[in-house]
Amino acid sequence: MKSLALALLLCALASPSEAHCFINNVKEGTTHCQDYADNTWHAVGSSWRNSECMDCTCGQCCSGYTTPRVFPDNCVSVFDPQACQYVVHVKGDPTTLCPIFAAVGK
């Protein structure tokens, strides 16, 4: 019985991961690659953040932000695309920030 309770507790504590990455195929001998979102060219070995808030290299792109999942009920999570981050604030009062207790990603 104790094992079942422990297993259920561990399952409840595991947060679902919503970070996402994808692999870009880079052909051998390639010196530059093109960003899929911005169509900009980058040297192999470099890294950049594109307009979709993805942190990229020529070999992969991954989300460049975390997504808040647990915060007080009187708060709302709003994505700021210029800063590539979520801001959690009191509903109706964007000047009062709220604590974030759990987030996924990055």
PDB file of N, CA and C in Angstrom:
ATOM      1  N   MET A   1       0.824  -1.194   0.000  1.00  0.00           N
ATOM      2  CA  MET A   1       0.000   0.000   0.000  1.00  0.00           C
ATOM      3  C   MET A   1       0.869   1.259   0.000  1.00  0.00           C
ATOM      4  N   LYS A   2       1.955   1.212   0.802  1.00  0.00           N
ATOM      5  CA  LYS A   2       2.851   2.367   0.849  1.00  0.00           C
ATOM      6  C   LYS A   2       3.490   2.622  -0.511  1.00  0.00           C
ATOM      7  N   SER A   3       3.820   1.554  -1.232  1.00  0.00           N
ATOM      8  CA  SER A   3       4.442   1.699  -2.547  1.00  0.00           C
ATOM      9  C   SER A   3       3.481   2.360  -3.531  1.00  0.00           C
ATOM     10  N   LEU A   4       2.223   1.987  -3.477  1.00  0.00           N
ATOM     11  CA  LEU A   4       1.228   2.576  -4.356  1.00  0.00           C
ATOM     12  C   LEU A   4       1.052   4.057  -4.050  1.00  0.00           C
ATOM     13  N   ALA A   5       1.011   4.402  -2.785  1.00  0.00           N
ATOM     14  CA  ALA A   5       0.868   5.808  -2.399  1.00  0.00           C
ATOM     15  C   ALA A   5       2.080   6.612  -2.858  1.00  0.00           C
ATOM     16  N   LEU A   6       3.269   6.043  -2.712  1.00  0.00           N
ATOM     17  CA  LEU A   6       4.490   6.724  -3.152  1.00  0.00           C
ATOM     18  C   LEU A   6       4.491   6.896  -4.668  1.00  0.00           C
ATOM     19  N   ALA A   7       4.089   5.883  -5.388  1.00  0.00           N
ATOM     20  CA  ALA A   7       4.037   5.971  -6.850  1.00  0.00           C
ATOM     21  C   ALA A   7       3.059   7.052  -7.301  1.00  0.00           C
ATOM     22  N   LEU A   8       1.901   7.122  -6.662  1.00  0.00           N
ATOM     23  CA  LEU A   8       0.919   8.153  -7.009  1.00  0.00           C
ATOM     24  C   LEU A   8       1.452   9.549  -6.697  1.00  0.00           C
ATOM     25  N   LEU A   9       2.144   9.681  -5.578  1.00  0.00           N
ATOM     26  CA  LEU A   9       2.729  10.969  -5.219  1.00  0.00           C
ATOM     27  C   LEU A   9       3.766  11.399  -6.244  1.00  0.00           C
ATOM     28  N   LEU A  10       4.635  10.494  -6.645  1.00  0.00           N
ATOM     29  CA  LEU A  10       5.665  10.824  -7.631  1.00  0.00           C
ATOM     30  C   LEU A  10       5.050  11.196  -8.975  1.00  0.00           C
ATOM     31  N   CYS A  11       3.992  10.526  -9.368  1.00  0.00           N
ATOM     32  CA  CYS A  11       3.307  10.867 -10.614  1.00  0.00           C
ATOM     33  C   CYS A  11       2.683  12.258 -10.529  1.00  0.00           C
ATOM     34  N   ALA A  12       2.140  12.585  -9.392  1.00  0.00           N
ATOM     35  CA  ALA A  12       1.509  13.893  -9.215  1.00  0.00           C
ATOM     36  C   ALA A  12       2.541  15.011  -9.226  1.00  0.00           C
ATOM     37  N   LEU A  13       3.747  14.737  -8.748  1.00  0.00           N
ATOM     38  CA  LEU A  13       4.784  15.756  -8.696  1.00  0.00           C
ATOM     39  C   LEU A  13       5.461  15.985 -10.038  1.00  0.00           C
ATOM     40  N   ALA A  14       5.430  14.993 -10.910  1.00  0.00           N
ATOM     41  CA  ALA A  14       6.084  15.140 -12.210  1.00  0.00           C
ATOM     42  C   ALA A  14       5.299  16.136 -13.059  1.00  0.00           C
ATOM     43  N   SER A  15       5.980  17.179 -13.487  1.00  0.00           N
ATOM     44  CA  SER A  15       5.301  18.177 -14.311  1.00  0.00           C
ATOM     45  C   SER A  15       5.477  17.829 -15.777  1.00  0.00           C
ATOM     46  N   PRO A  16       4.448  18.053 -16.569  1.00  0.00           N
ATOM     47  CA  PRO A  16       4.576  17.769 -17.995  1.00  0.00           C
ATOM     48  C   PRO A  16       5.520  18.783 -18.630  1.00  0.00           C
ATOM     49  N   SER A  17       6.391  18.316 -19.475  1.00  0.00           N
ATOM     50  CA  SER A  17       7.345  19.206 -20.133  1.00  0.00           C
ATOM     51  C   SER A  17       6.770  19.677 -21.459  1.00  0.00           C
ATOM     52  N   GLU A  18       6.751  20.973 -21.638  1.00  0.00           N
ATOM     53  CA  GLU A  18       6.268  21.515 -22.885  1.00  0.00           C
ATOM     54  C   GLU A  18       7.372  22.226 -23.651  1.00  0.00           C
ATOM     55  N   ALA A  19       8.596  22.103 -23.153  1.00  0.00           N
ATOM     56  CA  ALA A  19       9.709  22.670 -23.899  1.00  0.00           C
ATOM     57  C   ALA A  19       9.802  21.894 -25.201  1.00  0.00           C
ATOM     58  N   HIS A  20      10.122  22.579 -26.223  1.00  0.00           N
ATOM     59  CA  HIS A  20      10.256  21.840 -27.456  1.00  0.00           C
ATOM     60  C   HIS A  20      11.506  22.259 -28.200  1.00  0.00           C
ATOM     61  N   CYS A  21      12.104  21.265 -28.797  1.00  0.00           N
ATOM     62  CA  CYS A  21      13.282  21.445 -29.621  1.00  0.00           C
ATOM     63  C   CYS A  21      13.064  20.659 -30.902  1.00  0.00           C
ATOM     64  N   PHE A  22      13.743  21.065 -31.927  1.00  0.00           N
ATOM     65  CA  PHE A  22      13.769  20.250 -33.123  1.00  0.00           C
ATOM     66  C   PHE A  22      15.149  20.317 -33.741  1.00  0.00           C
ATOM     67  N   ILE A  23      15.485  19.264 -34.419  1.00  0.00           N
ATOM     68  CA  ILE A  23      16.810  19.106 -35.015  1.00  0.00           C
ATOM     69  C   ILE A  23      16.786  19.625 -36.451  1.00  0.00           C
ATOM     70  N   ASN A  24      17.837  20.347 -36.803  1.00  0.00           N
ATOM     71  CA  ASN A  24      18.031  20.794 -38.180  1.00  0.00           C
ATOM     72  C   ASN A  24      19.143  19.939 -38.782  1.00  0.00           C
ATOM     73  N   ASN A  25      18.896  19.377 -39.935  1.00  0.00           N
ATOM     74  CA  ASN A  25      19.934  18.589 -40.595  1.00  0.00           C
ATOM     75  C   ASN A  25      20.933  19.533 -41.253  1.00  0.00           C
ATOM     76  N   VAL A  26      22.199  19.381 -40.892  1.00  0.00           N
ATOM     77  CA  VAL A  26      23.269  20.194 -41.467  1.00  0.00           C
ATOM     78  C   VAL A  26      24.161  19.252 -42.272  1.00  0.00           C
ATOM     79  N   LYS A  27      24.266  19.508 -43.559  1.00  0.00           N
ATOM     80  CA  LYS A  27      25.087  18.662 -44.422  1.00  0.00           C
ATOM     81  C   LYS A  27      26.565  18.911 -44.147  1.00  0.00           C
ATOM     82  N   GLU A  28      27.345  17.852 -44.251  1.00  0.00           N
ATOM     83  CA  GLU A  28      28.785  17.951 -44.035  1.00  0.00           C
ATOM     84  C   GLU A  28      29.388  18.955 -45.013  1.00  0.00           C
ATOM     85  N   GLY A  29      30.255  19.811 -44.501  1.00  0.00           N
ATOM     86  CA  GLY A  29      30.901  20.818 -45.331  1.00  0.00           C
ATOM     87  C   GLY A  29      30.151  22.132 -45.420  1.00  0.00           C
ATOM     88  N   THR A  30      28.944  22.182 -44.834  1.00  0.00           N
ATOM     89  CA  THR A  30      28.140  23.409 -44.849  1.00  0.00           C
ATOM     90  C   THR A  30      28.805  24.453 -43.961  1.00  0.00           C
ATOM     91  N   THR A  31      28.855  25.701 -44.431  1.00  0.00           N
ATOM     92  CA  THR A  31      29.456  26.770 -43.632  1.00  0.00           C
ATOM     93  C   THR A  31      28.405  27.688 -43.027  1.00  0.00           C
ATOM     94  N   HIS A  32      27.197  27.720 -43.596  1.00  0.00           N
ATOM     95  CA  HIS A  32      26.120  28.583 -43.108  1.00  0.00           C
ATOM     96  C   HIS A  32      24.789  27.833 -43.181  1.00  0.00           C
ATOM     97  N   CYS A  33      23.841  28.276 -42.364  1.00  0.00           N
ATOM     98  CA  CYS A  33      22.499  27.708 -42.402  1.00  0.00           C
ATOM     99  C   CYS A  33      21.487  28.853 -42.354  1.00  0.00           C
ATOM    100  N   GLN A  34      20.270  28.572 -42.779  1.00  0.00           N
ATOM    101  CA  GLN A  34      19.229  29.600 -42.815  1.00  0.00           C
ATOM    102  C   GLN A  34      18.200  29.342 -41.728  1.00  0.00           C
ATOM    103  N   ASP A  35      17.875  30.391 -40.974  1.00  0.00           N
ATOM    104  CA  ASP A  35      16.847  30.284 -39.944  1.00  0.00           C
ATOM    105  C   ASP A  35      15.489  30.076 -40.605  1.00  0.00           C
ATOM    106  N   TYR A  36      14.713  29.117 -40.097  1.00  0.00           N
ATOM    107  CA  TYR A  36      13.425  28.778 -40.690  1.00  0.00           C
ATOM    108  C   TYR A  36      12.393  29.895 -40.529  1.00  0.00           C
ATOM    109  N   ALA A  37      12.494  30.693 -39.481  1.00  0.00           N
ATOM    110  CA  ALA A  37      11.470  31.712 -39.198  1.00  0.00           C
ATOM    111  C   ALA A  37      11.778  33.043 -39.867  1.00  0.00           C
ATOM    112  N   ASP A  38      13.027  33.446 -39.809  1.00  0.00           N
ATOM    113  CA  ASP A  38      13.395  34.782 -40.275  1.00  0.00           C
ATOM    114  C   ASP A  38      14.108  34.788 -41.623  1.00  0.00           C
ATOM    115  N   ASN A  39      14.458  33.592 -42.119  1.00  0.00           N
ATOM    116  CA  ASN A  39      15.204  33.458 -43.369  1.00  0.00           C
ATOM    117  C   ASN A  39      16.559  34.165 -43.330  1.00  0.00           C
ATOM    118  N   THR A  40      17.123  34.343 -42.133  1.00  0.00           N
ATOM    119  CA  THR A  40      18.444  34.937 -41.991  1.00  0.00           C
ATOM    120  C   THR A  40      19.497  33.831 -42.044  1.00  0.00           C
ATOM    121  N   TRP A  41      20.689  34.182 -42.466  1.00  0.00           N
ATOM    122  CA  TRP A  41      21.782  33.218 -42.587  1.00  0.00           C
ATOM    123  C   TRP A  41      22.731  33.350 -41.404  1.00  0.00           C
ATOM    124  N   HIS A  42      23.227  32.207 -40.918  1.00  0.00           N
ATOM    125  CA  HIS A  42      24.101  32.173 -39.753  1.00  0.00           C
ATOM    126  C   HIS A  42      25.237  31.187 -39.992  1.00  0.00           C
ATOM    127  N   ALA A  43      26.409  31.519 -39.470  1.00  0.00           N
ATOM    128  CA  ALA A  43      27.569  30.642 -39.611  1.00  0.00           C
ATOM    129  C   ALA A  43      27.405  29.398 -38.736  1.00  0.00           C
ATOM    130  N   VAL A  44      27.866  28.263 -39.253  1.00  0.00           N
ATOM    131  CA  VAL A  44      27.872  27.040 -38.458  1.00  0.00           C
ATOM    132  C   VAL A  44      28.708  27.304 -37.204  1.00  0.00           C
ATOM    133  N   GLY A  45      28.207  26.921 -36.043  1.00  0.00           N
ATOM    134  CA  GLY A  45      28.873  27.157 -34.770  1.00  0.00           C
ATOM    135  C   GLY A  45      28.334  28.375 -34.031  1.00  0.00           C
ATOM    136  N   SER A  46      27.532  29.197 -34.704  1.00  0.00           N
ATOM    137  CA  SER A  46      26.956  30.371 -34.043  1.00  0.00           C
ATOM    138  C   SER A  46      25.614  30.008 -33.418  1.00  0.00           C
ATOM    139  N   SER A  47      25.109  30.910 -32.582  1.00  0.00           N
ATOM    140  CA  SER A  47      23.781  30.726 -31.985  1.00  0.00           C
ATOM    141  C   SER A  47      23.051  32.059 -32.036  1.00  0.00           C
ATOM    142  N   TRP A  48      21.718  31.997 -32.056  1.00  0.00           N
ATOM    143  CA  TRP A  48      20.897  33.193 -32.166  1.00  0.00           C
ATOM    144  C   TRP A  48      19.501  32.918 -31.641  1.00  0.00           C
ATOM    145  N   ARG A  49      18.759  33.965 -31.372  1.00  0.00           N
ATOM    146  CA  ARG A  49      17.339  33.870 -31.007  1.00  0.00           C
ATOM    147  C   ARG A  49      16.550  34.486 -32.161  1.00  0.00           C
ATOM    148  N   ASN A  50      15.583  33.738 -32.680  1.00  0.00           N
ATOM    149  CA  ASN A  50      14.813  34.254 -33.810  1.00  0.00           C
ATOM    150  C   ASN A  50      13.535  34.965 -33.350  1.00  0.00           C
ATOM    151  N   SER A  51      12.759  35.435 -34.298  1.00  0.00           N
ATOM    152  CA  SER A  51      11.556  36.220 -33.985  1.00  0.00           C
ATOM    153  C   SER A  51      10.447  35.386 -33.353  1.00  0.00           C
ATOM    154  N   GLU A  52      10.573  34.060 -33.356  1.00  0.00           N
ATOM    155  CA  GLU A  52       9.598  33.189 -32.700  1.00  0.00           C
ATOM    156  C   GLU A  52      10.073  32.764 -31.306  1.00  0.00           C
ATOM    157  N   CYS A  53      11.073  33.488 -30.784  1.00  0.00           N
ATOM    158  CA  CYS A  53      11.622  33.234 -29.439  1.00  0.00           C
ATOM    159  C   CYS A  53      12.222  31.839 -29.311  1.00  0.00           C
ATOM    160  N   MET A  54      12.809  31.361 -30.393  1.00  0.00           N
ATOM    161  CA  MET A  54      13.506  30.083 -30.383  1.00  0.00           C
ATOM    162  C   MET A  54      15.004  30.360 -30.343  1.00  0.00           C
ATOM    163  N   ASP A  55      15.713  29.663 -29.447  1.00  0.00           N
ATOM    164  CA  ASP A  55      17.167  29.746 -29.377  1.00  0.00           C
ATOM    165  C   ASP A  55      17.722  28.682 -30.314  1.00  0.00           C
ATOM    166  N   CYS A  56      18.492  29.127 -31.300  1.00  0.00           N
ATOM    167  CA  CYS A  56      18.899  28.227 -32.373  1.00  0.00           C
ATOM    168  C   CYS A  56      20.400  28.157 -32.566  1.00  0.00           C
ATOM    169  N   THR A  57      20.820  27.053 -33.129  1.00  0.00           N
ATOM    170  CA  THR A  57      22.125  26.854 -33.737  1.00  0.00           C
ATOM    171  C   THR A  57      21.827  26.251 -35.096  1.00  0.00           C
ATOM    172  N   CYS A  58      22.846  26.024 -35.875  1.00  0.00           N
ATOM    173  CA  CYS A  58      22.583  25.381 -37.163  1.00  0.00           C
ATOM    174  C   CYS A  58      22.082  23.951 -36.982  1.00  0.00           C
ATOM    175  N   GLY A  59      22.326  23.344 -35.834  1.00  0.00           N
ATOM    176  CA  GLY A  59      21.916  21.963 -35.603  1.00  0.00           C
ATOM    177  C   GLY A  59      20.573  21.784 -34.940  1.00  0.00           C
ATOM    178  N   GLN A  60      20.069  22.810 -34.220  1.00  0.00           N
ATOM    179  CA  GLN A  60      18.773  22.661 -33.547  1.00  0.00           C
ATOM    180  C   GLN A  60      18.231  24.006 -33.109  1.00  0.00           C
ATOM    181  N   CYS A  61      16.926  24.022 -32.846  1.00  0.00           N
ATOM    182  CA  CYS A  61      16.254  25.179 -32.248  1.00  0.00           C
ATOM    183  C   CYS A  61      15.420  24.674 -31.074  1.00  0.00           C
ATOM    184  N   CYS A  62      15.427  25.433 -29.978  1.00  0.00           N
ATOM    185  CA  CYS A  62      14.647  25.090 -28.782  1.00  0.00           C
ATOM    186  C   CYS A  62      13.930  26.339 -28.292  1.00  0.00           C
ATOM    187  N   SER A  63      12.795  26.144 -27.639  1.00  0.00           N
ATOM    188  CA  SER A  63      12.067  27.286 -27.099  1.00  0.00           C
ATOM    189  C   SER A  63      12.968  28.045 -26.141  1.00  0.00           C
ATOM    190  N   GLY A  64      12.920  29.366 -26.212  1.00  0.00           N
ATOM    191  CA  GLY A  64      13.807  30.206 -25.425  1.00  0.00           C
ATOM    192  C   GLY A  64      13.151  30.818 -24.210  1.00  0.00           C
ATOM    193  N   TYR A  65      12.112  30.193 -23.702  1.00  0.00           N
ATOM    194  CA  TYR A  65      11.389  30.754 -22.561  1.00  0.00           C
ATOM    195  C   TYR A  65      10.729  29.635 -21.777  1.00  0.00           C
ATOM    196  N   THR A  66      10.327  29.958 -20.553  1.00  0.00           N
ATOM    197  CA  THR A  66       9.563  29.019 -19.740  1.00  0.00           C
ATOM    198  C   THR A  66       8.098  29.459 -19.719  1.00  0.00           C
ATOM    199  N   THR A  67       7.220  28.504 -19.510  1.00  0.00           N
ATOM    200  CA  THR A  67       5.788  28.779 -19.451  1.00  0.00           C
ATOM    201  C   THR A  67       5.296  28.553 -18.029  1.00  0.00           C
ATOM    202  N   PRO A  68       4.831  29.610 -17.354  1.00  0.00           N
ATOM    203  CA  PRO A  68       4.322  29.451 -15.983  1.00  0.00           C
ATOM    204  C   PRO A  68       3.124  28.499 -15.942  1.00  0.00           C
ATOM    205  N   ARG A  69       3.116  27.598 -14.973  1.00  0.00           N
ATOM    206  CA  ARG A  69       2.012  26.647 -14.832  1.00  0.00           C
ATOM    207  C   ARG A  69       1.282  26.778 -13.506  1.00  0.00           C
ATOM    208  N   VAL A  70       1.990  27.150 -12.442  1.00  0.00           N
ATOM    209  CA  VAL A  70       1.356  27.244 -11.124  1.00  0.00           C
ATOM    210  C   VAL A  70       1.633  28.633 -10.557  1.00  0.00           C
ATOM    211  N   PHE A  71       0.553  29.375 -10.380  1.00  0.00           N
ATOM    212  CA  PHE A  71       0.620  30.725  -9.801  1.00  0.00           C
ATOM    213  C   PHE A  71      -0.729  31.000  -9.162  1.00  0.00           C
ATOM    214  N   PRO A  72      -0.866  32.033  -8.339  1.00  0.00           N
ATOM    215  CA  PRO A  72      -2.133  32.281  -7.639  1.00  0.00           C
ATOM    216  C   PRO A  72      -3.328  32.442  -8.593  1.00  0.00           C
ATOM    217  N   ASP A  73      -4.504  32.046  -8.127  1.00  0.00           N
ATOM    218  CA  ASP A  73      -5.721  32.082  -8.946  1.00  0.00           C
ATOM    219  C   ASP A  73      -6.135  33.492  -9.359  1.00  0.00           C
ATOM    220  N   ASN A  74      -5.742  34.492  -8.597  1.00  0.00           N
ATOM    221  CA  ASN A  74      -6.142  35.855  -8.933  1.00  0.00           C
ATOM    222  C   ASN A  74      -5.164  36.517  -9.919  1.00  0.00           C
ATOM    223  N   CYS A  75      -4.301  35.699 -10.529  1.00  0.00           N
ATOM    224  CA  CYS A  75      -3.293  36.213 -11.449  1.00  0.00           C
ATOM    225  C   CYS A  75      -3.501  35.637 -12.846  1.00  0.00           C
ATOM    226  N   VAL A  76      -2.869  36.293 -13.815  1.00  0.00           N
ATOM    227  CA  VAL A  76      -2.958  35.870 -15.206  1.00  0.00           C
ATOM    228  C   VAL A  76      -1.554  35.875 -15.802  1.00  0.00           C
ATOM    229  N   SER A  77      -1.308  34.937 -16.721  1.00  0.00           N
ATOM    230  CA  SER A  77      -0.018  34.822 -17.393  1.00  0.00           C
ATOM    231  C   SER A  77      -0.150  35.414 -18.797  1.00  0.00           C
ATOM    232  N   VAL A  78       0.720  36.365 -19.137  1.00  0.00           N
ATOM    233  CA  VAL A  78       0.659  37.046 -20.435  1.00  0.00           C
ATOM    234  C   VAL A  78       2.032  36.953 -21.093  1.00  0.00           C
ATOM    235  N   PHE A  79       2.075  36.532 -22.359  1.00  0.00           N
ATOM    236  CA  PHE A  79       3.348  36.413 -23.066  1.00  0.00           C
ATOM    237  C   PHE A  79       3.748  37.747 -23.668  1.00  0.00           C
ATOM    238  N   ASP A  80       4.999  38.152 -23.441  1.00  0.00           N
ATOM    239  CA  ASP A  80       5.571  39.368 -24.014  1.00  0.00           C
ATOM    240  C   ASP A  80       6.515  38.937 -25.141  1.00  0.00           C
ATOM    241  N   PRO A  81       6.080  39.047 -26.411  1.00  0.00           N
ATOM    242  CA  PRO A  81       6.905  38.554 -27.513  1.00  0.00           C
ATOM    243  C   PRO A  81       8.185  39.352 -27.738  1.00  0.00           C
ATOM    244  N   GLN A  82       8.225  40.604 -27.319  1.00  0.00           N
ATOM    245  CA  GLN A  82       9.458  41.375 -27.474  1.00  0.00           C
ATOM    246  C   GLN A  82      10.533  40.892 -26.496  1.00  0.00           C
ATOM    247  N   ALA A  83      10.142  40.553 -25.274  1.00  0.00           N
ATOM    248  CA  ALA A  83      11.091  40.074 -24.269  1.00  0.00           C
ATOM    249  C   ALA A  83      11.236  38.550 -24.290  1.00  0.00           C
ATOM    250  N   CYS A  84      10.388  37.867 -25.051  1.00  0.00           N
ATOM    251  CA  CYS A  84      10.379  36.396 -25.110  1.00  0.00           C
ATOM    252  C   CYS A  84      10.216  35.797 -23.711  1.00  0.00           C
ATOM    253  N   GLN A  85       9.234  36.298 -22.976  1.00  0.00           N
ATOM    254  CA  GLN A  85       8.970  35.764 -21.639  1.00  0.00           C
ATOM    255  C   GLN A  85       7.508  35.996 -21.248  1.00  0.00           C
ATOM    256  N   TYR A  86       7.056  35.167 -20.321  1.00  0.00           N
ATOM    257  CA  TYR A  86       5.735  35.352 -19.746  1.00  0.00           C
ATOM    258  C   TYR A  86       5.851  36.271 -18.533  1.00  0.00           C
ATOM    259  N   VAL A  87       4.865  37.125 -18.367  1.00  0.00           N
ATOM    260  CA  VAL A  87       4.753  37.969 -17.188  1.00  0.00           C
ATOM    261  C   VAL A  87       3.469  37.547 -16.476  1.00  0.00           C
ATOM    262  N   VAL A  88       3.554  37.266 -15.196  1.00  0.00           N
ATOM    263  CA  VAL A  88       2.384  36.870 -14.411  1.00  0.00           C
ATOM    264  C   VAL A  88       2.052  38.029 -13.482  1.00  0.00           C
ATOM    265  N   HIS A  89       0.838  38.554 -13.660  1.00  0.00           N
ATOM    266  CA  HIS A  89       0.422  39.698 -12.845  1.00  0.00           C
ATOM    267  C   HIS A  89      -1.003  39.518 -12.360  1.00  0.00           C
ATOM    268  N   VAL A  90      -1.397  40.334 -11.396  1.00  0.00           N
ATOM    269  CA  VAL A  90      -2.755  40.303 -10.861  1.00  0.00           C
ATOM    270  C   VAL A  90      -3.723  40.665 -11.980  1.00  0.00           C
ATOM    271  N   LYS A  91      -4.821  39.909 -12.081  1.00  0.00           N
ATOM    272  CA  LYS A  91      -5.835  40.202 -13.106  1.00  0.00           C
ATOM    273  C   LYS A  91      -6.320  41.634 -12.953  1.00  0.00           C
ATOM    274  N   GLY A  92      -6.266  42.396 -14.037  1.00  0.00           N
ATOM    275  CA  GLY A  92      -6.730  43.771 -14.016  1.00  0.00           C
ATOM    276  C   GLY A  92      -5.705  44.770 -13.511  1.00  0.00           C
ATOM    277  N   ASP A  93      -4.530  44.295 -13.071  1.00  0.00           N
ATOM    278  CA  ASP A  93      -3.496  45.203 -12.571  1.00  0.00           C
ATOM    279  C   ASP A  93      -2.117  44.726 -13.039  1.00  0.00           C
ATOM    280  N   PRO A  94      -1.719  45.081 -14.270  1.00  0.00           N
ATOM    281  CA  PRO A  94      -0.439  44.604 -14.804  1.00  0.00           C
ATOM    282  C   PRO A  94       0.794  45.150 -14.075  1.00  0.00           C
ATOM    283  N   THR A  95       0.599  46.089 -13.162  1.00  0.00           N
ATOM    284  CA  THR A  95       1.745  46.626 -12.423  1.00  0.00           C
ATOM    285  C   THR A  95       2.090  45.792 -11.193  1.00  0.00           C
ATOM    286  N   THR A  96       1.192  44.893 -10.785  1.00  0.00           N
ATOM    287  CA  THR A  96       1.439  44.049  -9.608  1.00  0.00           C
ATOM    288  C   THR A  96       1.769  42.633 -10.065  1.00  0.00           C
ATOM    289  N   LEU A  97       3.036  42.258  -9.942  1.00  0.00           N
ATOM    290  CA  LEU A  97       3.482  40.935 -10.364  1.00  0.00           C
ATOM    291  C   LEU A  97       3.125  39.883  -9.328  1.00  0.00           C
ATOM    292  N   CYS A  98       2.952  38.661  -9.793  1.00  0.00           N
ATOM    293  CA  CYS A  98       2.598  37.531  -8.936  1.00  0.00           C
ATOM    294  C   CYS A  98       3.755  36.537  -8.882  1.00  0.00           C
ATOM    295  N   PRO A  99       3.825  35.763  -7.816  1.00  0.00           N
ATOM    296  CA  PRO A  99       4.861  34.715  -7.746  1.00  0.00           C
ATOM    297  C   PRO A  99       4.508  33.559  -8.680  1.00  0.00           C
ATOM    298  N   ILE A 100       5.531  32.931  -9.209  1.00  0.00           N
ATOM    299  CA  ILE A 100       5.376  31.730 -10.044  1.00  0.00           C
ATOM    300  C   ILE A 100       5.928  30.566  -9.246  1.00  0.00           C
ATOM    301  N   PHE A 101       5.099  29.557  -9.018  1.00  0.00           N
ATOM    302  CA  PHE A 101       5.516  28.420  -8.202  1.00  0.00           C
ATOM    303  C   PHE A 101       6.053  27.264  -9.041  1.00  0.00           C
ATOM    304  N   ALA A 102       5.659  27.183 -10.306  1.00  0.00           N
ATOM    305  CA  ALA A 102       6.166  26.128 -11.196  1.00  0.00           C
ATOM    306  C   ALA A 102       6.025  26.599 -12.637  1.00  0.00           C
ATOM    307  N   ALA A 103       7.000  26.207 -13.452  1.00  0.00           N
ATOM    308  CA  ALA A 103       6.990  26.545 -14.873  1.00  0.00           C
ATOM    309  C   ALA A 103       7.624  25.399 -15.634  1.00  0.00           C
ATOM    310  N   VAL A 104       7.347  25.308 -16.931  1.00  0.00           N
ATOM    311  CA  VAL A 104       7.940  24.266 -17.775  1.00  0.00           C
ATOM    312  C   VAL A 104       8.621  24.933 -18.953  1.00  0.00           C
ATOM    313  N   GLY A 105       9.574  24.216 -19.501  1.00  0.00           N
ATOM    314  CA  GLY A 105      10.262  24.702 -20.685  1.00  0.00           C
ATOM    315  C   GLY A 105      11.717  24.992 -20.432  1.00  0.00           C
ATOM    316  N   LYS A 106      12.308  25.457 -21.469  1.00  0.00           N
ATOM    317  CA  LYS A 106      13.715  25.837 -21.508  1.00  0.00           C
ATOM    318  C   LYS A 106      14.531  24.864 -20.777  1.00  0.00           C
TER     319      LYS A 106
END
